[in-house]
Amino acid sequence: MSTAKQDAVRDRVESELGDPLRALGLDIEAVEITPAGKRRIVRIAVDKDGGVTLDDVADATRAVSEVLDESDVLGEQPYTLEVTSRGVDRPLTLPRHWRRNADRLVKVTLTDGSEVTGRITSSDEDTVTLDVDDTAREVAYADVAKAMVQIEFSRKGRKPAHDDVTDVDDTDHDPEVDDHENEEES
């Protein structure tokens, strides 16, 4: 399948899933369709304020499966469906990504090639404020070439609360090893 056709199928899948997933309070973060022999792997990453739970993934999987089964968007070729959370391995590209990662450490590459690492203290629709070595630094999204959350296993200056098992929240998922992944054969 040509790249243009793959893009068109991915865009159509995303369009058809938008309303059913929004009804569940979820945003589509990514749609990936990858050939795998005679099948395809259809990966849908979702997110919401407060993070995605196992129940959210299960509900999303049912909704996605129903939409794809009732639609001709994927044609007759069989596929394996994977619905997962956004995870930390995806770059911060939208204002909601910054908002949802408040108080997280991020590494930002700016459009001028310089880099800054700081903790997100606040964000709005146009800018993020980072705490960089105890100094507030405002960065416009337009000046960001790439931004990634940094995994922290032990955060200096923070004593974990009793119910805070790790400093990595439940949206940090590796789809290859995470129990939050749900597969369904169609």
Protein backbone atom coordinates (compact mmCIF):
# COMPACT_ATOMS: atom_id res chain seq x y z
CA MET A 1 0.00 0.00 0.00
CA SER A 2 1.37 3.41 -0.91
CA THR A 3 2.23 5.90 1.79
CA ALA A 4 -0.50 8.28 0.61
CA LYS A 5 -3.08 5.49 0.80
CA GLN A 6 -1.83 4.42 4.25
CA ASP A 7 -2.11 8.02 5.45
CA ALA A 8 -5.64 8.26 4.06
CA VAL A 9 -6.69 5.02 5.81
CA ARG A 10 -5.10 6.17 9.10
CA ASP A 11 -6.83 9.57 8.84
CA ARG A 12 -10.18 7.91 8.13
CA VAL A 13 -9.77 5.49 11.07
CA GLU A 14 -8.95 8.45 13.34
CA SER A 15 -11.95 10.39 12.04
CA GLU A 16 -14.36 7.48 12.59
CA LEU A 17 -13.05 6.82 16.12
CA GLY A 18 -13.12 10.44 17.28
CA ASP A 19 -16.73 10.71 18.46
CA PRO A 20 -17.00 7.27 20.15
CA LEU A 21 -13.75 7.83 22.06
CA ARG A 22 -14.65 11.43 23.00
CA ALA A 23 -17.92 10.02 24.42
CA LEU A 24 -15.72 7.96 26.77
CA GLY A 25 -13.76 11.08 27.73
CA LEU A 26 -10.70 9.97 25.73
CA ASP A 27 -8.52 11.74 23.19
CA ILE A 28 -6.88 9.89 20.30
CA GLU A 29 -3.14 10.44 20.56
CA ALA A 30 -1.97 8.19 17.74
CA VAL A 31 -3.24 5.77 15.10
CA GLU A 32 -0.65 3.43 13.63
CA ILE A 33 -1.36 0.79 11.02
CA THR A 34 1.56 -1.56 10.42
CA PRO A 35 1.73 -4.51 8.01
CA ALA A 36 2.48 -7.83 9.73
CA GLY A 37 2.53 -10.62 7.16
CA LYS A 38 -0.99 -11.23 5.89
CA ARG A 39 -2.39 -9.15 8.73
CA ARG A 40 -2.08 -5.59 9.95
CA ILE A 41 -1.53 -4.31 13.45
CA VAL A 42 -3.79 -1.39 14.26
CA ARG A 43 -2.49 0.51 17.30
CA ILE A 44 -4.61 3.19 18.88
CA ALA A 45 -3.09 5.30 21.67
CA VAL A 46 -5.54 7.18 23.90
CA ASP A 47 -5.21 9.61 26.79
CA LYS A 48 -7.29 11.76 29.12
CA ASP A 49 -6.84 14.18 31.97
CA GLY A 50 -5.84 12.22 35.05
CA GLY A 51 -4.40 9.34 33.02
CA VAL A 52 -5.81 6.20 31.43
CA THR A 53 -6.85 3.20 33.53
CA LEU A 54 -7.25 -0.46 32.58
CA ASP A 55 -11.02 0.07 32.52
CA ASP A 56 -10.56 2.99 30.12
CA VAL A 57 -8.45 0.82 27.81
CA ALA A 58 -11.05 -1.99 27.95
CA ASP A 59 -13.90 0.44 27.19
CA ALA A 60 -11.90 2.02 24.37
CA THR A 61 -11.06 -1.39 22.91
CA ARG A 62 -14.74 -2.35 22.79
CA ALA A 63 -15.70 0.97 21.19
CA VAL A 64 -12.87 0.86 18.63
CA SER A 65 -13.58 -2.77 17.75
CA GLU A 66 -17.28 -2.03 17.25
CA VAL A 67 -16.57 0.95 14.98
CA LEU A 68 -13.97 -0.90 12.90
CA ASP A 69 -16.17 -4.01 12.59
CA GLU A 70 -19.12 -1.91 11.35
CA SER A 71 -16.97 0.10 8.96
CA ASP A 72 -15.25 -0.77 5.71
CA VAL A 73 -12.33 1.54 6.53
CA LEU A 74 -9.84 -1.34 6.88
CA GLY A 75 -11.21 -3.39 4.01
CA GLU A 76 -11.20 -7.18 4.09
CA GLN A 77 -7.62 -7.76 5.27
CA PRO A 78 -7.52 -9.14 8.85
CA TYR A 79 -5.95 -7.06 11.62
CA THR A 80 -4.91 -7.24 15.24
CA LEU A 81 -6.16 -4.38 17.39
CA GLU A 82 -4.03 -2.89 20.16
CA VAL A 83 -5.39 -0.08 22.31
CA THR A 84 -3.00 1.48 24.81
CA SER A 85 -2.29 4.66 26.71
CA ARG A 86 -0.14 7.42 25.27
CA GLY A 87 2.96 6.57 27.30
CA VAL A 88 5.99 8.75 27.95
CA ASP A 89 7.82 7.75 24.80
CA ARG A 90 5.71 10.09 22.69
CA PRO A 91 6.76 13.74 22.30
CA LEU A 92 4.77 16.58 23.83
CA THR A 93 3.18 18.26 20.82
CA LEU A 94 -0.13 19.72 21.98
CA PRO A 95 -1.09 22.05 24.86
CA ARG A 96 -3.01 19.19 26.53
CA HIS A 97 0.18 17.08 26.62
CA TRP A 98 1.92 19.80 28.63
CA ARG A 99 -1.10 20.24 30.93
CA ARG A 100 -1.34 16.51 31.58
CA ASN A 101 2.35 16.32 32.47
CA ALA A 102 2.37 19.18 35.00
CA ASP A 103 5.15 18.74 37.59
CA ARG A 104 7.01 16.29 35.32
CA LEU A 105 10.61 16.76 34.22
CA VAL A 106 10.96 17.41 30.47
CA LYS A 107 13.84 17.81 28.06
CA VAL A 108 13.07 20.41 25.40
CA THR A 109 14.97 20.97 22.17
CA LEU A 110 14.28 24.45 20.90
CA THR A 111 14.04 25.47 17.25
CA ASP A 112 17.40 27.26 17.56
CA GLY A 113 19.02 23.91 18.47
CA SER A 114 19.56 24.67 22.16
CA GLU A 115 18.23 22.36 24.86
CA VAL A 116 16.63 23.02 28.21
CA THR A 117 15.60 20.57 30.90
CA GLY A 118 13.10 21.62 33.53
CA ARG A 119 9.97 20.75 35.43
CA ILE A 120 6.59 21.85 34.06
CA THR A 121 5.09 24.31 36.54
CA SER A 122 2.25 25.67 34.39
CA SER A 123 1.02 25.76 30.82
CA ASP A 124 -1.66 27.35 28.69
CA GLU A 125 -2.64 27.23 25.02
CA ASP A 126 0.52 29.01 23.81
CA THR A 127 3.31 28.60 26.37
CA VAL A 128 4.74 26.42 29.10
CA THR A 129 6.59 27.59 32.18
CA LEU A 130 9.47 25.37 33.27
CA ASP A 131 11.34 25.39 36.54
CA VAL A 132 14.97 25.27 35.39
CA ASP A 133 17.34 25.15 38.37
CA ASP A 134 14.83 27.07 40.54
CA THR A 135 14.31 29.73 37.86
CA ALA A 136 11.02 30.09 35.95
CA ARG A 137 11.50 29.98 32.20
CA GLU A 138 8.59 30.57 29.85
CA VAL A 139 8.80 28.79 26.50
CA ALA A 140 6.42 29.34 23.59
CA TYR A 141 5.27 26.11 21.92
CA ALA A 142 6.21 27.71 18.59
CA ASP A 143 9.85 27.66 19.79
CA VAL A 144 9.80 23.93 20.64
CA ALA A 145 11.28 21.54 18.09
CA LYS A 146 10.92 18.47 20.34
CA ALA A 147 9.95 17.80 23.97
CA MET A 148 10.04 14.53 25.88
CA VAL A 149 9.12 13.60 29.44
CA GLN A 150 12.11 12.33 31.39
CA ILE A 151 11.60 9.22 33.51
CA GLU A 152 12.45 9.77 37.16
CA PHE A 153 12.86 6.79 39.43
CA SER A 154 13.97 8.83 42.43
CA ARG A 155 13.12 12.49 42.49
CA LYS A 156 15.44 14.61 44.61
CA GLY A 157 13.76 16.74 47.25
CA ARG A 158 10.56 14.72 47.22
CA LYS A 159 9.70 12.14 49.81
CA PRO A 160 7.22 9.64 48.32
CA ALA A 161 3.80 9.48 49.95
CA HIS A 162 2.69 6.14 51.36
CA ASP A 163 0.45 5.43 48.35
CA ASP A 164 3.01 6.76 45.84
CA VAL A 165 4.65 3.52 44.73
CA THR A 166 6.93 5.16 42.17
CA ASP A 167 7.48 8.62 40.74
CA VAL A 168 6.26 7.39 37.34
CA ASP A 169 2.50 7.69 36.90
CA ASP A 170 0.21 5.11 35.34
CA THR A 171 0.38 6.72 31.89
CA ASP A 172 3.97 5.52 31.45
CA HIS A 173 3.52 2.44 29.31
CA ASP A 174 5.69 0.33 27.10
CA PRO A 175 3.22 -1.46 24.80
CA GLU A 176 5.59 -4.42 24.53
CA VAL A 177 5.60 -5.18 28.27
CA ASP A 178 2.66 -3.38 29.81
CA ASP A 179 -0.43 -5.06 31.20
CA HIS A 180 -2.50 -2.04 30.07
CA GLU A 181 -2.32 -3.21 26.48
CA ASN A 182 -5.39 -5.00 25.22
CA GLU A 183 -5.44 -7.01 22.01
CA GLU A 184 -8.42 -8.28 20.12
CA GLU A 185 -8.38 -10.36 16.93
CA SER A 186 -10.88 -9.37 14.26
